[in-house]
Each structure stands twice: as C-alpha cells, then as structure tokens.
C-alpha atoms as a PDB file:
ATOM      1  CA  UNK A   1     -77.249 263.204  56.567  1.00  0.00           C
ATOM      2  CA  UNK A   2     -80.235 265.403  56.975  1.00  0.00           C
ATOM      3  CA  UNK A   3     -81.658 267.403  54.179  1.00  0.00           C
ATOM      4  CA  UNK A   4     -80.464 270.572  55.827  1.00  0.00           C
ATOM      5  CA  UNK A   5     -76.890 269.299  56.048  1.00  0.00           C
ATOM      6  CA  UNK A   6     -76.825 268.299  52.385  1.00  0.00           C
ATOM      7  CA  UNK A   7     -78.279 271.651  51.367  1.00  0.00           C
ATOM      8  CA  UNK A   8     -75.727 273.456  53.417  1.00  0.00           C
ATOM      9  CA  UNK A   9     -72.872 271.530  51.631  1.00  0.00           C
ATOM     10  CA  UNK A  10     -74.388 272.048  48.265  1.00  0.00           C
ATOM     11  CA  UNK A  11     -74.996 275.808  48.751  1.00  0.00           C
ATOM     12  CA  UNK A  12     -71.397 276.479  50.059  1.00  0.00           C
ATOM     13  CA  UNK A  13     -69.352 278.320  47.471  1.00  0.00           C
ATOM     14  CA  UNK A  14     -66.073 277.754  49.328  1.00  0.00           C
ATOM     15  CA  UNK A  15     -65.043 275.172  52.053  1.00  0.00           C
ATOM     16  CA  UNK A  16     -64.625 278.120  54.489  1.00  0.00           C
ATOM     17  CA  UNK A  17     -68.337 278.756  54.530  1.00  0.00           C
ATOM     18  CA  UNK A  18     -68.767 275.332  56.163  1.00  0.00           C
ATOM     19  CA  UNK A  19     -66.625 276.404  59.175  1.00  0.00           C
ATOM     20  CA  UNK A  20     -69.368 277.884  61.329  1.00  0.00           C
ATOM     21  CA  UNK A  21     -70.662 277.068  64.804  1.00  0.00           C
ATOM     22  CA  UNK A  22     -69.830 277.212  68.395  1.00  0.00           C
ATOM     23  CA  UNK A  23     -66.028 276.958  67.945  1.00  0.00           C
ATOM     24  CA  UNK A  24     -65.593 279.741  65.546  1.00  0.00           C
ATOM     25  CA  UNK A  25     -64.393 283.092  66.704  1.00  0.00           C
ATOM     26  CA  UNK A  26     -64.090 281.783  70.335  1.00  0.00           C
ATOM     27  CA  UNK A  27     -61.770 283.799  72.505  1.00  0.00           C
ATOM     28  CA  UNK A  28     -58.476 282.184  73.500  1.00  0.00           C
ATOM     29  CA  UNK A  29     -56.374 282.587  76.596  1.00  0.00           C
ATOM     30  CA  UNK A  30     -53.582 283.461  74.225  1.00  0.00           C
ATOM     31  CA  UNK A  31     -55.352 286.321  72.538  1.00  0.00           C
ATOM     32  CA  UNK A  32     -53.967 288.976  74.822  1.00  0.00           C
ATOM     33  CA  UNK A  33     -50.503 287.748  74.346  1.00  0.00           C
ATOM     34  CA  UNK A  34     -50.454 287.282  70.534  1.00  0.00           C
ATOM     35  CA  UNK A  35     -49.196 290.825  69.782  1.00  0.00           C
ATOM     36  CA  UNK A  36     -46.304 290.157  72.167  1.00  0.00           C
ATOM     37  CA  UNK A  37     -45.527 286.796  70.653  1.00  0.00           C
ATOM     38  CA  UNK A  38     -45.786 288.261  67.064  1.00  0.00           C
ATOM     39  CA  UNK A  39     -43.393 290.999  68.061  1.00  0.00           C
ATOM     40  CA  UNK A  40     -40.866 288.522  69.538  1.00  0.00           C
ATOM     41  CA  UNK A  41     -41.247 286.275  66.365  1.00  0.00           C
ATOM     42  CA  UNK A  42     -40.568 289.287  64.106  1.00  0.00           C
ATOM     43  CA  UNK A  43     -37.439 290.001  66.119  1.00  0.00           C
ATOM     44  CA  UNK A  44     -36.145 286.529  65.413  1.00  0.00           C
ATOM     45  CA  UNK A  45     -37.138 284.585  68.564  1.00  0.00           C
ATOM     46  CA  UNK A  46     -38.747 281.352  67.410  1.00  0.00           C
ATOM     47  CA  UNK A  47     -38.319 279.311  70.567  1.00  0.00           C
ATOM     48  CA  UNK A  48     -41.716 278.508  72.074  1.00  0.00           C
ATOM     49  CA  UNK A  49     -40.341 277.486  75.392  1.00  0.00           C
ATOM     50  CA  UNK A  50     -38.466 280.741  75.761  1.00  0.00           C
ATOM     51  CA  UNK A  51     -41.622 282.719  74.793  1.00  0.00           C
ATOM     52  CA  UNK A  52     -43.734 280.827  77.266  1.00  0.00           C
ATOM     53  CA  UNK A  53     -41.183 281.664  80.044  1.00  0.00           C
ATOM     54  CA  UNK A  54     -41.514 285.348  79.029  1.00  0.00           C
ATOM     55  CA  UNK A  55     -45.262 285.604  79.149  1.00  0.00           C
ATOM     56  CA  UNK A  56     -45.984 283.651  82.263  1.00  0.00           C
ATOM     57  CA  UNK A  57     -44.757 286.484  84.510  1.00  0.00           C
ATOM     58  CA  UNK A  58     -47.013 288.771  82.453  1.00  0.00           C
ATOM     59  CA  UNK A  59     -50.044 286.806  83.599  1.00  0.00           C
ATOM     60  CA  UNK A  60     -50.435 284.071  80.945  1.00  0.00           C
ATOM     61  CA  UNK A  61     -52.265 281.084  82.530  1.00  0.00           C
ATOM     62  CA  UNK A  62     -52.444 278.865  79.497  1.00  0.00           C
ATOM     63  CA  UNK A  63     -50.218 275.945  78.524  1.00  0.00           C
ATOM     64  CA  UNK A  64     -46.928 275.767  76.720  1.00  0.00           C
ATOM     65  CA  UNK A  65     -48.562 273.554  74.161  1.00  0.00           C
ATOM     66  CA  UNK A  66     -50.951 276.384  73.099  1.00  0.00           C
ATOM     67  CA  UNK A  67     -47.944 278.624  72.392  1.00  0.00           C
ATOM     68  CA  UNK A  68     -46.133 275.866  70.544  1.00  0.00           C
ATOM     69  CA  UNK A  69     -49.223 275.306  68.376  1.00  0.00           C
ATOM     70  CA  UNK A  70     -49.555 279.006  67.610  1.00  0.00           C
ATOM     71  CA  UNK A  71     -45.915 279.257  66.555  1.00  0.00           C
ATOM     72  CA  UNK A  72     -46.200 276.040  64.525  1.00  0.00           C
ATOM     73  CA  UNK A  73     -48.996 277.714  62.522  1.00  0.00           C
ATOM     74  CA  UNK A  74     -46.695 280.711  62.046  1.00  0.00           C
ATOM     75  CA  UNK A  75     -43.893 278.384  60.741  1.00  0.00           C
ATOM     76  CA  UNK A  76     -46.107 276.456  58.416  1.00  0.00           C
ATOM     77  CA  UNK A  77     -48.202 279.280  56.950  1.00  0.00           C
ATOM     78  CA  UNK A  78     -45.586 281.751  55.756  1.00  0.00           C
ATOM     79  CA  UNK A  79     -46.695 284.517  53.600  1.00  0.00           C
ATOM     80  CA  UNK A  80     -44.415 284.889  50.603  1.00  0.00           C
END
C-alpha cells in the first residue's frame, strides 16, 4: 500500500469514512421509483416481482434484480 492509503486508513475515525470515491452517491435508475416502492412496502406488498410489474408501465427501464436487491435491503435492515 502507498503511504497515502495507509494514512487514509489510520486517520479514519469510522469505517464509513473510507467509503468514498466514484461509486458513492451515484444516481440509480431506481431512484425515481423508490418512493412508490416504499409506499407499496408500507402497505404490505413485499413481492418484488409484483412491484416490478407495477413500475414498468410507469417507465422503469431497470432490471427486476435491482428491485429485488432494494427490497432485500429493506428486509434485512429493519429499524426497531
């Protein structure tokens, strides 16, 4: 590792400080549809395929897998 990399690791107070770079805060094709998906989730719909079928007519051009991954995160990161 370079001196700069070692210094960056040493200076980081939390692991989150190390998550920087070109992939952070990058827009997703799903961003415009997240409020809709969140609303459907809060109403009890947890079926990714069903939600994908609902947003494709609304103009969503992304994959089913992206929706599935988004909902997986919601399932595994519940706020208590």
